[in-house]
Amino acid sequence: MNNSEEVFEKLEKLNINYKIVEHKAATTTEKADEYIEGHEGVRTKTLFLKNRKKKNLYLIVMDDEKRVNMKALEKILEDKGLGFCSDELLMEKMKLEPGVVSLFGLINNEDKDIKIIFDEDVINEEIFTFHANVNTITVFISKKDMIKFTEELGYEYKIIKIPE
């Protein structure tokens, strides 16, 4: 079973409605946006971050056009040395290649050791977009189902204002 099949199997098992758009490989959020132009939904960017000691891992879901101020985020999260996870840690924790990080990667996080953060600037949107653990399929799901997916996998989440 490939990565996207696991996503769809889990969504169906959880009785989550979704829509997909298949497209050419999208290696940037800008390219992904081109492929789904005209479809309703907030375009998300999902960042996989770690603290300096690699003890705390974070999955940040935010608008794809927003930039994050890491120093200000460190203060909000009360953590130090935030930075992007290595490709190796991404593979170890979510079984994903760089460029396809999404909420759906949590399916593969056996340790359940990733903290989920949703940006309050997008949390009131109705439809969210994520890669289906591959960069050739974009999934559209409702906010309600995004939260359901997160909770059904056993994760708690926080909603904070991601600083720019």
C-alpha atoms as a PDB file:
ATOM      1  CA  MET A   1       0.000   0.000   0.000  1.00  0.00           C
ATOM      2  CA  ASN A   2       1.415   3.412  -0.895  1.00  0.00           C
ATOM      3  CA  ASN A   3       1.295   6.553   1.231  1.00  0.00           C
ATOM      4  CA  SER A   4      -1.804   8.041  -0.385  1.00  0.00           C
ATOM      5  CA  GLU A   5      -3.739   4.763  -0.178  1.00  0.00           C
ATOM      6  CA  GLU A   6      -3.116   4.715   3.588  1.00  0.00           C
ATOM      7  CA  VAL A   7      -4.517   8.241   3.843  1.00  0.00           C
ATOM      8  CA  PHE A   8      -7.691   7.398   1.925  1.00  0.00           C
ATOM      9  CA  GLU A   9      -8.167   4.152   3.839  1.00  0.00           C
ATOM     10  CA  LYS A  10      -7.922   6.035   7.152  1.00  0.00           C
ATOM     11  CA  LEU A  11     -10.271   8.811   5.997  1.00  0.00           C
ATOM     12  CA  GLU A  12     -12.856   6.253   4.895  1.00  0.00           C
ATOM     13  CA  LYS A  13     -12.484   4.256   8.121  1.00  0.00           C
ATOM     14  CA  LEU A  14     -13.170   7.463  10.074  1.00  0.00           C
ATOM     15  CA  ASN A  15     -16.129   8.291   7.812  1.00  0.00           C
ATOM     16  CA  ILE A  16     -14.495  11.549   6.732  1.00  0.00           C
ATOM     17  CA  ASN A  17     -15.668  13.146   3.505  1.00  0.00           C
ATOM     18  CA  TYR A  18     -12.984  14.459   1.208  1.00  0.00           C
ATOM     19  CA  LYS A  19     -12.366  15.627  -2.315  1.00  0.00           C
ATOM     20  CA  ILE A  20      -9.137  15.113  -4.223  1.00  0.00           C
ATOM     21  CA  VAL A  21      -7.338  16.800  -7.067  1.00  0.00           C
ATOM     22  CA  GLU A  22      -4.632  14.791  -8.792  1.00  0.00           C
ATOM     23  CA  HIS A  23      -1.854  16.811 -10.429  1.00  0.00           C
ATOM     24  CA  LYS A  24       1.780  16.855 -11.442  1.00  0.00           C
ATOM     25  CA  ALA A  25       4.352  16.748  -8.639  1.00  0.00           C
ATOM     26  CA  ALA A  26       4.244  19.955  -6.609  1.00  0.00           C
ATOM     27  CA  THR A  27       7.518  20.680  -4.852  1.00  0.00           C
ATOM     28  CA  THR A  28       6.491  24.127  -3.584  1.00  0.00           C
ATOM     29  CA  THR A  29       3.283  25.535  -2.146  1.00  0.00           C
ATOM     30  CA  GLU A  30       3.186  27.993  -5.049  1.00  0.00           C
ATOM     31  CA  LYS A  31       3.192  25.140  -7.572  1.00  0.00           C
ATOM     32  CA  ALA A  32       0.572  23.217  -5.586  1.00  0.00           C
ATOM     33  CA  ASP A  33      -1.647  26.308  -5.573  1.00  0.00           C
ATOM     34  CA  GLU A  34      -1.479  26.479  -9.364  1.00  0.00           C
ATOM     35  CA  TYR A  35      -2.771  22.926  -9.656  1.00  0.00           C
ATOM     36  CA  ILE A  36      -5.774  23.520  -7.393  1.00  0.00           C
ATOM     37  CA  GLU A  37      -6.683  26.995  -8.592  1.00  0.00           C
ATOM     38  CA  GLY A  38     -10.437  27.515  -8.669  1.00  0.00           C
ATOM     39  CA  HIS A  39     -11.152  25.007  -5.895  1.00  0.00           C
ATOM     40  CA  GLU A  40     -12.499  26.253  -2.585  1.00  0.00           C
ATOM     41  CA  GLY A  41     -10.315  25.857   0.493  1.00  0.00           C
ATOM     42  CA  VAL A  42      -7.510  27.481   2.438  1.00  0.00           C
ATOM     43  CA  ARG A  43      -4.124  26.528   1.043  1.00  0.00           C
ATOM     44  CA  THR A  44      -2.151  25.188   3.975  1.00  0.00           C
ATOM     45  CA  LYS A  45       1.523  24.963   4.698  1.00  0.00           C
ATOM     46  CA  THR A  46       2.530  22.332   7.229  1.00  0.00           C
ATOM     47  CA  LEU A  47       5.852  22.765   9.005  1.00  0.00           C
ATOM     48  CA  PHE A  48       7.593  19.981  10.934  1.00  0.00           C
ATOM     49  CA  LEU A  49       9.736  21.599  13.625  1.00  0.00           C
ATOM     50  CA  LYS A  50      11.909  20.445  16.509  1.00  0.00           C
ATOM     51  CA  ASN A  51      13.432  22.157  19.482  1.00  0.00           C
ATOM     52  CA  ARG A  52      17.187  22.347  20.041  1.00  0.00           C
ATOM     53  CA  LYS A  53      17.371  19.055  21.955  1.00  0.00           C
ATOM     54  CA  LYS A  54      14.974  17.255  19.567  1.00  0.00           C
ATOM     55  CA  LYS A  55      12.759  16.395  22.547  1.00  0.00           C
ATOM     56  CA  ASN A  56       9.771  18.415  21.363  1.00  0.00           C
ATOM     57  CA  LEU A  57       8.401  17.994  17.860  1.00  0.00           C
ATOM     58  CA  TYR A  58       5.761  20.289  16.369  1.00  0.00           C
ATOM     59  CA  LEU A  59       3.502  20.091  13.342  1.00  0.00           C
ATOM     60  CA  ILE A  60       2.382  23.621  12.484  1.00  0.00           C
ATOM     61  CA  VAL A  61      -0.622  24.059  10.150  1.00  0.00           C
ATOM     62  CA  MET A  62      -0.925  27.560   8.710  1.00  0.00           C
ATOM     63  CA  ASP A  63      -1.794  29.529   5.576  1.00  0.00           C
ATOM     64  CA  ASP A  64       0.712  28.770   2.837  1.00  0.00           C
ATOM     65  CA  GLU A  65       1.407  32.455   2.215  1.00  0.00           C
ATOM     66  CA  LYS A  66       2.300  33.245   5.809  1.00  0.00           C
ATOM     67  CA  ARG A  67       5.852  33.333   7.087  1.00  0.00           C
ATOM     68  CA  VAL A  68       6.660  32.389  10.654  1.00  0.00           C
ATOM     69  CA  ASN A  69       8.872  34.328  13.052  1.00  0.00           C
ATOM     70  CA  MET A  70      10.689  31.462  14.783  1.00  0.00           C
ATOM     71  CA  LYS A  71      12.017  33.518  17.693  1.00  0.00           C
ATOM     72  CA  ALA A  72       8.531  34.824  18.514  1.00  0.00           C
ATOM     73  CA  LEU A  73       7.108  31.304  18.119  1.00  0.00           C
ATOM     74  CA  GLU A  74       9.692  30.016  20.610  1.00  0.00           C
ATOM     75  CA  LYS A  75       8.350  32.485  23.184  1.00  0.00           C
ATOM     76  CA  ILE A  76       4.731  31.479  22.581  1.00  0.00           C
ATOM     77  CA  LEU A  77       5.541  27.763  22.812  1.00  0.00           C
ATOM     78  CA  GLU A  78       7.981  28.349  25.685  1.00  0.00           C
ATOM     79  CA  ASP A  79      10.633  26.337  23.889  1.00  0.00           C
ATOM     80  CA  LYS A  80      14.146  27.084  22.627  1.00  0.00           C
ATOM     81  CA  GLY A  81      16.063  26.560  19.427  1.00  0.00           C
ATOM     82  CA  LEU A  82      13.151  25.829  17.106  1.00  0.00           C
ATOM     83  CA  GLY A  83      14.150  24.743  13.647  1.00  0.00           C
ATOM     84  CA  PHE A  84      13.106  22.508  10.803  1.00  0.00           C
ATOM     85  CA  CYS A  85      13.478  18.774  11.270  1.00  0.00           C
ATOM     86  CA  SER A  86      16.011  16.948   9.154  1.00  0.00           C
ATOM     87  CA  ASP A  87      14.921  14.765   6.260  1.00  0.00           C
ATOM     88  CA  GLU A  88      15.987  11.750   8.332  1.00  0.00           C
ATOM     89  CA  LEU A  89      13.837  12.735  11.314  1.00  0.00           C
ATOM     90  CA  LEU A  90      10.894  13.409   8.993  1.00  0.00           C
ATOM     91  CA  MET A  91      11.245   9.913   7.550  1.00  0.00           C
ATOM     92  CA  GLU A  92      11.682   8.348  10.998  1.00  0.00           C
ATOM     93  CA  LYS A  93       8.684  10.053  12.576  1.00  0.00           C
ATOM     94  CA  MET A  94       6.190  10.372   9.705  1.00  0.00           C
ATOM     95  CA  LYS A  95       7.581   8.154   6.924  1.00  0.00           C
ATOM     96  CA  LEU A  96       7.466  11.143   4.559  1.00  0.00           C
ATOM     97  CA  GLU A  97       9.809  12.625   1.997  1.00  0.00           C
ATOM     98  CA  PRO A  98      10.618  16.352   2.108  1.00  0.00           C
ATOM     99  CA  GLY A  99       8.009  18.408   0.277  1.00  0.00           C
ATOM    100  CA  VAL A 100       4.997  16.334   1.293  1.00  0.00           C
ATOM    101  CA  VAL A 101       4.695  17.164   4.997  1.00  0.00           C
ATOM    102  CA  SER A 102       1.042  17.251   5.973  1.00  0.00           C
ATOM    103  CA  LEU A 103      -1.361  16.490   8.766  1.00  0.00           C
ATOM    104  CA  PHE A 104      -1.883  13.080   7.183  1.00  0.00           C
ATOM    105  CA  GLY A 105       1.692  12.107   8.042  1.00  0.00           C
ATOM    106  CA  LEU A 106       0.482  11.624  11.621  1.00  0.00           C
ATOM    107  CA  ILE A 107      -0.879   8.253  10.494  1.00  0.00           C
ATOM    108  CA  ASN A 108       2.716   7.014  10.561  1.00  0.00           C
ATOM    109  CA  ASN A 109       3.798   8.561  13.869  1.00  0.00           C
ATOM    110  CA  GLU A 110       3.780   5.467  16.055  1.00  0.00           C
ATOM    111  CA  ASP A 111       5.221   7.307  19.070  1.00  0.00           C
ATOM    112  CA  LYS A 112       2.455   9.952  19.075  1.00  0.00           C
ATOM    113  CA  ASP A 113       5.140  12.438  20.090  1.00  0.00           C
ATOM    114  CA  ILE A 114       4.317  15.325  17.764  1.00  0.00           C
ATOM    115  CA  LYS A 115       2.501  18.384  19.097  1.00  0.00           C
ATOM    116  CA  ILE A 116      -0.134  19.750  16.711  1.00  0.00           C
ATOM    117  CA  ILE A 117      -0.513  23.517  16.338  1.00  0.00           C
ATOM    118  CA  PHE A 118      -3.176  25.189  14.204  1.00  0.00           C
ATOM    119  CA  ASP A 119      -2.786  28.871  13.356  1.00  0.00           C
ATOM    120  CA  GLU A 120      -5.765  30.868  14.569  1.00  0.00           C
ATOM    121  CA  ASP A 121      -5.621  32.916  11.364  1.00  0.00           C
ATOM    122  CA  VAL A 122      -6.914  29.914   9.383  1.00  0.00           C
ATOM    123  CA  ILE A 123      -8.803  27.816  11.924  1.00  0.00           C
ATOM    124  CA  ASN A 124     -12.128  29.447  11.101  1.00  0.00           C
ATOM    125  CA  GLU A 125     -11.924  28.473   7.443  1.00  0.00           C
ATOM    126  CA  GLU A 126     -14.362  25.758   6.332  1.00  0.00           C
ATOM    127  CA  ILE A 127     -12.193  23.744   3.913  1.00  0.00           C
ATOM    128  CA  PHE A 128      -8.497  22.836   4.303  1.00  0.00           C
ATOM    129  CA  THR A 129      -6.041  21.398   1.781  1.00  0.00           C
ATOM    130  CA  PHE A 130      -3.242  18.925   2.424  1.00  0.00           C
ATOM    131  CA  HIS A 131      -1.070  16.639   0.343  1.00  0.00           C
ATOM    132  CA  ALA A 132      -2.100  12.991   0.641  1.00  0.00           C
ATOM    133  CA  ASN A 133       1.430  12.050   1.810  1.00  0.00           C
ATOM    134  CA  VAL A 134       2.506  12.383  -1.817  1.00  0.00           C
ATOM    135  CA  ASN A 135       2.968  15.599  -3.781  1.00  0.00           C
ATOM    136  CA  THR A 136       0.726  14.566  -6.678  1.00  0.00           C
ATOM    137  CA  ILE A 137      -2.608  14.570  -4.825  1.00  0.00           C
ATOM    138  CA  THR A 138      -4.217  17.380  -2.858  1.00  0.00           C
ATOM    139  CA  VAL A 139      -6.995  16.494  -0.432  1.00  0.00           C
ATOM    140  CA  PHE A 140      -9.753  18.920   0.560  1.00  0.00           C
ATOM    141  CA  ILE A 141     -11.413  18.260   3.929  1.00  0.00           C
ATOM    142  CA  SER A 142     -13.673  20.287   6.202  1.00  0.00           C
ATOM    143  CA  LYS A 143     -12.469  21.903   9.398  1.00  0.00           C
ATOM    144  CA  LYS A 144     -14.725  19.574  11.381  1.00  0.00           C
ATOM    145  CA  ASP A 145     -13.193  16.539   9.714  1.00  0.00           C
ATOM    146  CA  MET A 146      -9.652  17.881  10.077  1.00  0.00           C
ATOM    147  CA  ILE A 147     -10.208  18.150  13.826  1.00  0.00           C
ATOM    148  CA  LYS A 148     -11.898  14.741  13.905  1.00  0.00           C
ATOM    149  CA  PHE A 149      -8.938  13.192  12.071  1.00  0.00           C
ATOM    150  CA  THR A 150      -6.489  14.719  14.540  1.00  0.00           C
ATOM    151  CA  GLU A 151      -8.447  13.608  17.597  1.00  0.00           C
ATOM    152  CA  GLU A 152      -9.226  10.113  16.269  1.00  0.00           C
ATOM    153  CA  LEU A 153      -5.497   9.518  15.840  1.00  0.00           C
ATOM    154  CA  GLY A 154      -5.075  10.344  19.532  1.00  0.00           C
ATOM    155  CA  TYR A 155      -3.607  13.834  19.262  1.00  0.00           C
ATOM    156  CA  GLU A 156      -4.486  16.922  21.190  1.00  0.00           C
ATOM    157  CA  TYR A 157      -3.893  20.238  19.503  1.00  0.00           C
ATOM    158  CA  LYS A 158      -3.474  23.897  20.287  1.00  0.00           C
ATOM    159  CA  ILE A 159      -4.727  26.900  18.380  1.00  0.00           C
ATOM    160  CA  ILE A 160      -2.361  29.848  18.586  1.00  0.00           C
ATOM    161  CA  LYS A 161      -1.580  32.993  16.632  1.00  0.00           C
ATOM    162  CA  ILE A 162       1.468  32.062  14.588  1.00  0.00           C
ATOM    163  CA  PRO A 163       3.700  35.158  14.680  1.00  0.00           C
ATOM    164  CA  GLU A 164       4.965  36.660  11.430  1.00  0.00           C
END
